[in-house]
C-alpha atoms as a PDB file:
ATOM      1  CA  MET A   1      37.579   6.233  15.782  1.00  0.00           C
ATOM      2  CA  LYS A   2      35.552   8.326  13.468  1.00  0.00           C
ATOM      3  CA  SER A   3      32.851  10.425  14.994  1.00  0.00           C
ATOM      4  CA  LEU A   4      29.188   9.691  14.452  1.00  0.00           C
ATOM      5  CA  ALA A   5      28.774  12.885  12.407  1.00  0.00           C
ATOM      6  CA  ALA A   6      31.638  11.859  10.117  1.00  0.00           C
ATOM      7  CA  ASN A   7      30.067   8.438   9.528  1.00  0.00           C
ATOM      8  CA  TYR A   8      26.718   9.968   8.656  1.00  0.00           C
ATOM      9  CA  TYR A   9      27.895  13.058   6.829  1.00  0.00           C
ATOM     10  CA  ARG A  10      25.538  12.298   3.996  1.00  0.00           C
ATOM     11  CA  THR A  11      22.288  10.727   5.102  1.00  0.00           C
ATOM     12  CA  LEU A  12      19.818   9.638   2.477  1.00  0.00           C
ATOM     13  CA  ILE A  13      16.157   9.714   3.476  1.00  0.00           C
ATOM     14  CA  ARG A  14      13.738   7.889   1.181  1.00  0.00           C
ATOM     15  CA  VAL A  15      10.025   8.217   1.771  1.00  0.00           C
ATOM     16  CA  ASP A  16       7.394   7.215  -0.795  1.00  0.00           C
ATOM     17  CA  ASN A  17       9.674   7.651  -3.825  1.00  0.00           C
ATOM     18  CA  LEU A  18      10.904  11.041  -2.593  1.00  0.00           C
ATOM     19  CA  SER A  19      14.557  11.356  -1.690  1.00  0.00           C
ATOM     20  CA  LYS A  20      16.487  14.080   0.021  1.00  0.00           C
ATOM     21  CA  VAL A  21      20.195  14.193   0.780  1.00  0.00           C
ATOM     22  CA  VAL A  22      20.746  15.752   4.169  1.00  0.00           C
ATOM     23  CA  ASN A  23      23.921  17.058   5.718  1.00  0.00           C
ATOM     24  CA  PRO A  24      23.569  16.604   9.512  1.00  0.00           C
ATOM     25  CA  ALA A  25      26.027  19.464  10.143  1.00  0.00           C
ATOM     26  CA  GLN A  26      23.523  21.808   8.509  1.00  0.00           C
ATOM     27  CA  CYS A  27      20.600  20.338  10.452  1.00  0.00           C
ATOM     28  CA  GLY A  28      22.090  21.284  13.795  1.00  0.00           C
ATOM     29  CA  SER A  29      20.173  18.701  15.790  1.00  0.00           C
ATOM     30  CA  VAL A  30      18.230  15.511  15.633  1.00  0.00           C
ATOM     31  CA  ILE A  31      14.988  17.468  16.072  1.00  0.00           C
ATOM     32  CA  ASN A  32      15.564  19.361  12.820  1.00  0.00           C
ATOM     33  CA  LEU A  33      16.277  16.072  11.054  1.00  0.00           C
ATOM     34  CA  LEU A  34      13.003  14.629  12.385  1.00  0.00           C
ATOM     35  CA  ASN A  35      11.113  17.744  11.254  1.00  0.00           C
ATOM     36  CA  LEU A  36      12.544  17.265   7.760  1.00  0.00           C
ATOM     37  CA  PHE A  37      11.463  13.615   7.800  1.00  0.00           C
ATOM     38  CA  ILE A  38       7.906  14.596   8.791  1.00  0.00           C
ATOM     39  CA  LEU A  39       7.801  17.252   6.052  1.00  0.00           C
ATOM     40  CA  VAL A  40       8.871  14.732   3.396  1.00  0.00           C
ATOM     41  CA  LYS A  41       6.410  12.127   4.748  1.00  0.00           C
ATOM     42  CA  LYS A  42       3.457  14.521   4.337  1.00  0.00           C
ATOM     43  CA  ASN A  43       4.051  14.777   0.574  1.00  0.00           C
ATOM     44  CA  LYS A  44       2.667  11.356  -0.349  1.00  0.00           C
ATOM     45  CA  PRO A  45       2.867  10.882  -4.118  1.00  0.00           C
ATOM     46  CA  MET A  46       0.333   8.056  -4.242  1.00  0.00           C
ATOM     47  CA  GLN A  47      -2.534   6.380  -2.435  1.00  0.00           C
ATOM     48  CA  GLU A  48      -2.892   2.612  -2.268  1.00  0.00           C
ATOM     49  CA  TYR A  49      -6.082   0.767  -1.425  1.00  0.00           C
ATOM     50  CA  ILE A  50      -6.267  -2.986  -0.789  1.00  0.00           C
ATOM     51  CA  ALA A  51      -9.525  -4.951  -0.997  1.00  0.00           C
ATOM     52  CA  SER A  52     -10.650  -6.997   1.981  1.00  0.00           C
ATOM     53  CA  ARG A  53      -9.801 -10.684   1.969  1.00  0.00           C
ATOM     54  CA  LEU A  54     -13.291 -11.426   3.264  1.00  0.00           C
ATOM     55  CA  SER A  55     -14.890 -10.187   0.053  1.00  0.00           C
ATOM     56  CA  GLU A  56     -15.775 -12.181  -3.039  1.00  0.00           C
ATOM     57  CA  ASN A  57     -12.835 -13.257  -5.306  1.00  0.00           C
ATOM     58  CA  ASN A  58     -10.244 -11.714  -2.956  1.00  0.00           C
ATOM     59  CA  LYS A  59      -9.615 -14.627  -0.571  1.00  0.00           C
ATOM     60  CA  LEU A  60      -5.966 -15.315  -1.404  1.00  0.00           C
ATOM     61  CA  TYR A  61      -4.968 -12.378  -3.568  1.00  0.00           C
ATOM     62  CA  PRO A  62      -6.850  -9.133  -2.928  1.00  0.00           C
ATOM     63  CA  ILE A  63      -7.082  -6.397  -5.557  1.00  0.00           C
ATOM     64  CA  HIS A  64      -4.832  -3.353  -5.142  1.00  0.00           C
ATOM     65  CA  ILE A  65      -5.777   0.088  -6.482  1.00  0.00           C
ATOM     66  CA  ILE A  66      -2.977   2.646  -6.666  1.00  0.00           C
ATOM     67  CA  ILE A  67      -3.778   6.279  -7.445  1.00  0.00           C
ATOM     68  CA  ASP A  68      -0.784   8.481  -8.258  1.00  0.00           C
ATOM     69  CA  ASP A  69      -0.153  11.688 -10.198  1.00  0.00           C
ATOM     70  CA  ARG A  70      -0.380   9.985 -13.623  1.00  0.00           C
ATOM     71  CA  GLY A  71      -3.418   7.756 -13.256  1.00  0.00           C
ATOM     72  CA  VAL A  72      -5.006   4.726 -11.620  1.00  0.00           C
ATOM     73  CA  THR A  73      -3.405   1.279 -11.507  1.00  0.00           C
ATOM     74  CA  LEU A  74      -5.459  -1.834 -10.710  1.00  0.00           C
ATOM     75  CA  LYS A  75      -3.408  -4.864  -9.685  1.00  0.00           C
ATOM     76  CA  GLN A  76      -5.090  -8.247  -9.592  1.00  0.00           C
ATOM     77  CA  PRO A  77      -2.492 -10.686  -8.262  1.00  0.00           C
ATOM     78  CA  GLY A  78      -2.794 -14.405  -8.839  1.00  0.00           C
ATOM     79  CA  PHE A  79      -0.980 -17.641  -8.152  1.00  0.00           C
ATOM     80  CA  PHE A  80       0.366 -18.272 -11.661  1.00  0.00           C
ATOM     81  CA  ASN A  81      -0.436 -14.979 -13.323  1.00  0.00           C
ATOM     82  CA  ALA A  82      -1.218 -11.413 -12.391  1.00  0.00           C
ATOM     83  CA  LYS A  83      -3.117  -8.712 -14.198  1.00  0.00           C
ATOM     84  CA  GLU A  84      -2.171  -5.056 -13.974  1.00  0.00           C
ATOM     85  CA  THR A  85      -4.117  -2.305 -15.715  1.00  0.00           C
ATOM     86  CA  THR A  86      -3.061   1.347 -15.726  1.00  0.00           C
ATOM     87  CA  LEU A  87      -5.487   4.047 -16.778  1.00  0.00           C
ATOM     88  CA  LEU A  88      -4.271   7.590 -17.298  1.00  0.00           C
ATOM     89  CA  PHE A  89      -6.542  10.324 -15.959  1.00  0.00           C
ATOM     90  CA  ASN A  90      -7.181  11.751 -19.438  1.00  0.00           C
ATOM     91  CA  ASN A  91      -8.500   8.323 -20.589  1.00  0.00           C
ATOM     92  CA  ILE A  92     -10.985   7.894 -17.722  1.00  0.00           C
ATOM     93  CA  THR A  93     -14.536   8.822 -18.700  1.00  0.00           C
ATOM     94  CA  SER A  94     -16.456   8.047 -15.496  1.00  0.00           C
ATOM     95  CA  VAL A  95     -16.198   6.540 -12.036  1.00  0.00           C
ATOM     96  CA  ASP A  96     -19.208   4.711 -10.586  1.00  0.00           C
ATOM     97  CA  ILE A  97     -19.569   3.285  -7.097  1.00  0.00           C
ATOM     98  CA  GLU A  98     -21.977   0.783  -5.583  1.00  0.00           C
ATOM     99  CA  THR A  99     -22.347   0.933  -1.810  1.00  0.00           C
ATOM    100  CA  PRO A 100     -24.815  -1.605  -0.427  1.00  0.00           C
ATOM    101  CA  LEU A 101     -26.294  -1.257   3.041  1.00  0.00           C
ATOM    102  CA  VAL A 102     -24.521  -4.442   4.170  1.00  0.00           C
ATOM    103  CA  GLY A 103     -21.355  -5.800   2.586  1.00  0.00           C
ATOM    104  CA  PHE A 104     -18.433  -4.510   0.602  1.00  0.00           C
ATOM    105  CA  SER A 105     -18.550  -1.738  -1.996  1.00  0.00           C
ATOM    106  CA  THR A 106     -17.572  -1.828  -5.658  1.00  0.00           C
ATOM    107  CA  ILE A 107     -15.885   0.857  -7.726  1.00  0.00           C
ATOM    108  CA  THR A 108     -16.192   0.761 -11.522  1.00  0.00           C
ATOM    109  CA  ILE A 109     -13.854   2.845 -13.681  1.00  0.00           C
ATOM    110  CA  GLU A 110     -14.775   3.415 -17.322  1.00  0.00           C
ATOM    111  CA  SER A 111     -12.183   4.423 -19.885  1.00  0.00           C
ATOM    112  CA  LYS A 112     -12.301   5.621 -23.501  1.00  0.00           C
ATOM    113  CA  GLY A 113     -10.738   2.565 -25.118  1.00  0.00           C
ATOM    114  CA  GLU A 114     -11.809  -0.224 -22.790  1.00  0.00           C
ATOM    115  CA  SER A 115     -15.066  -1.171 -21.191  1.00  0.00           C
ATOM    116  CA  LYS A 116     -15.844  -1.028 -17.489  1.00  0.00           C
ATOM    117  CA  ILE A 117     -13.200  -2.179 -14.999  1.00  0.00           C
ATOM    118  CA  PRO A 118     -14.820  -3.197 -11.688  1.00  0.00           C
ATOM    119  CA  ALA A 119     -13.041  -3.727  -8.366  1.00  0.00           C
ATOM    120  CA  HIS A 120     -14.947  -5.241  -5.438  1.00  0.00           C
ATOM    121  CA  GLY A 121     -14.120  -5.573  -1.755  1.00  0.00           C
ATOM    122  CA  PHE A 122     -13.581  -2.056  -0.410  1.00  0.00           C
ATOM    123  CA  THR A 123     -15.316  -0.210   2.403  1.00  0.00           C
ATOM    124  CA  LYS A 124     -17.797   2.543   1.653  1.00  0.00           C
ATOM    125  CA  ALA A 125     -15.401   5.224   2.943  1.00  0.00           C
ATOM    126  CA  GLU A 126     -12.547   3.925   0.760  1.00  0.00           C
ATOM    127  CA  VAL A 127     -14.692   3.864  -2.374  1.00  0.00           C
ATOM    128  CA  ILE A 128     -15.970   7.404  -1.805  1.00  0.00           C
ATOM    129  CA  GLU A 129     -12.416   8.626  -1.143  1.00  0.00           C
ATOM    130  CA  MET A 130     -11.131   6.937  -4.315  1.00  0.00           C
ATOM    131  CA  LYS A 131     -13.905   8.462  -6.423  1.00  0.00           C
ATOM    132  CA  GLN A 132     -13.264  11.978  -5.072  1.00  0.00           C
ATOM    133  CA  LEU A 133      -9.524  11.601  -5.578  1.00  0.00           C
ATOM    134  CA  ILE A 134      -9.882  10.381  -9.172  1.00  0.00           C
ATOM    135  CA  LEU A 135     -12.435  13.051 -10.108  1.00  0.00           C
ATOM    136  CA  SER A 136     -10.283  15.812  -8.610  1.00  0.00           C
ATOM    137  CA  LYS A 137      -7.328  14.764 -10.804  1.00  0.00           C
ATOM    138  CA  MET A 138      -9.289  14.339 -14.055  1.00  0.00           C
END
């Protein structure tokens, strides 16, 4: 029988679109392999936010907002069709948020070529975090 190390001579770890090829003989132990996994996991290339299903117009298919290194992607899934809009950071002119005292918050992203793109159904903390993240990358 082949040894366990021979079977897993080349282990591929994929985390959030990052990949590393690891040779377990060089790791020395399982603890070093776990440390490598934690190190790769910390480098998240994108943030994804999903609107609450309890909010208006998000009952069956909530809106997804994905913020990565290139820009912001808004996904509005549907039963027969879906709408996906990607805005690059250099095309975004402003980010506005509405946070009522009671209820869900709305984020509105304005771009150079298009008008306002609103997304409703997020918590106040999520909307503030999205705005800070987008403004820091602009």
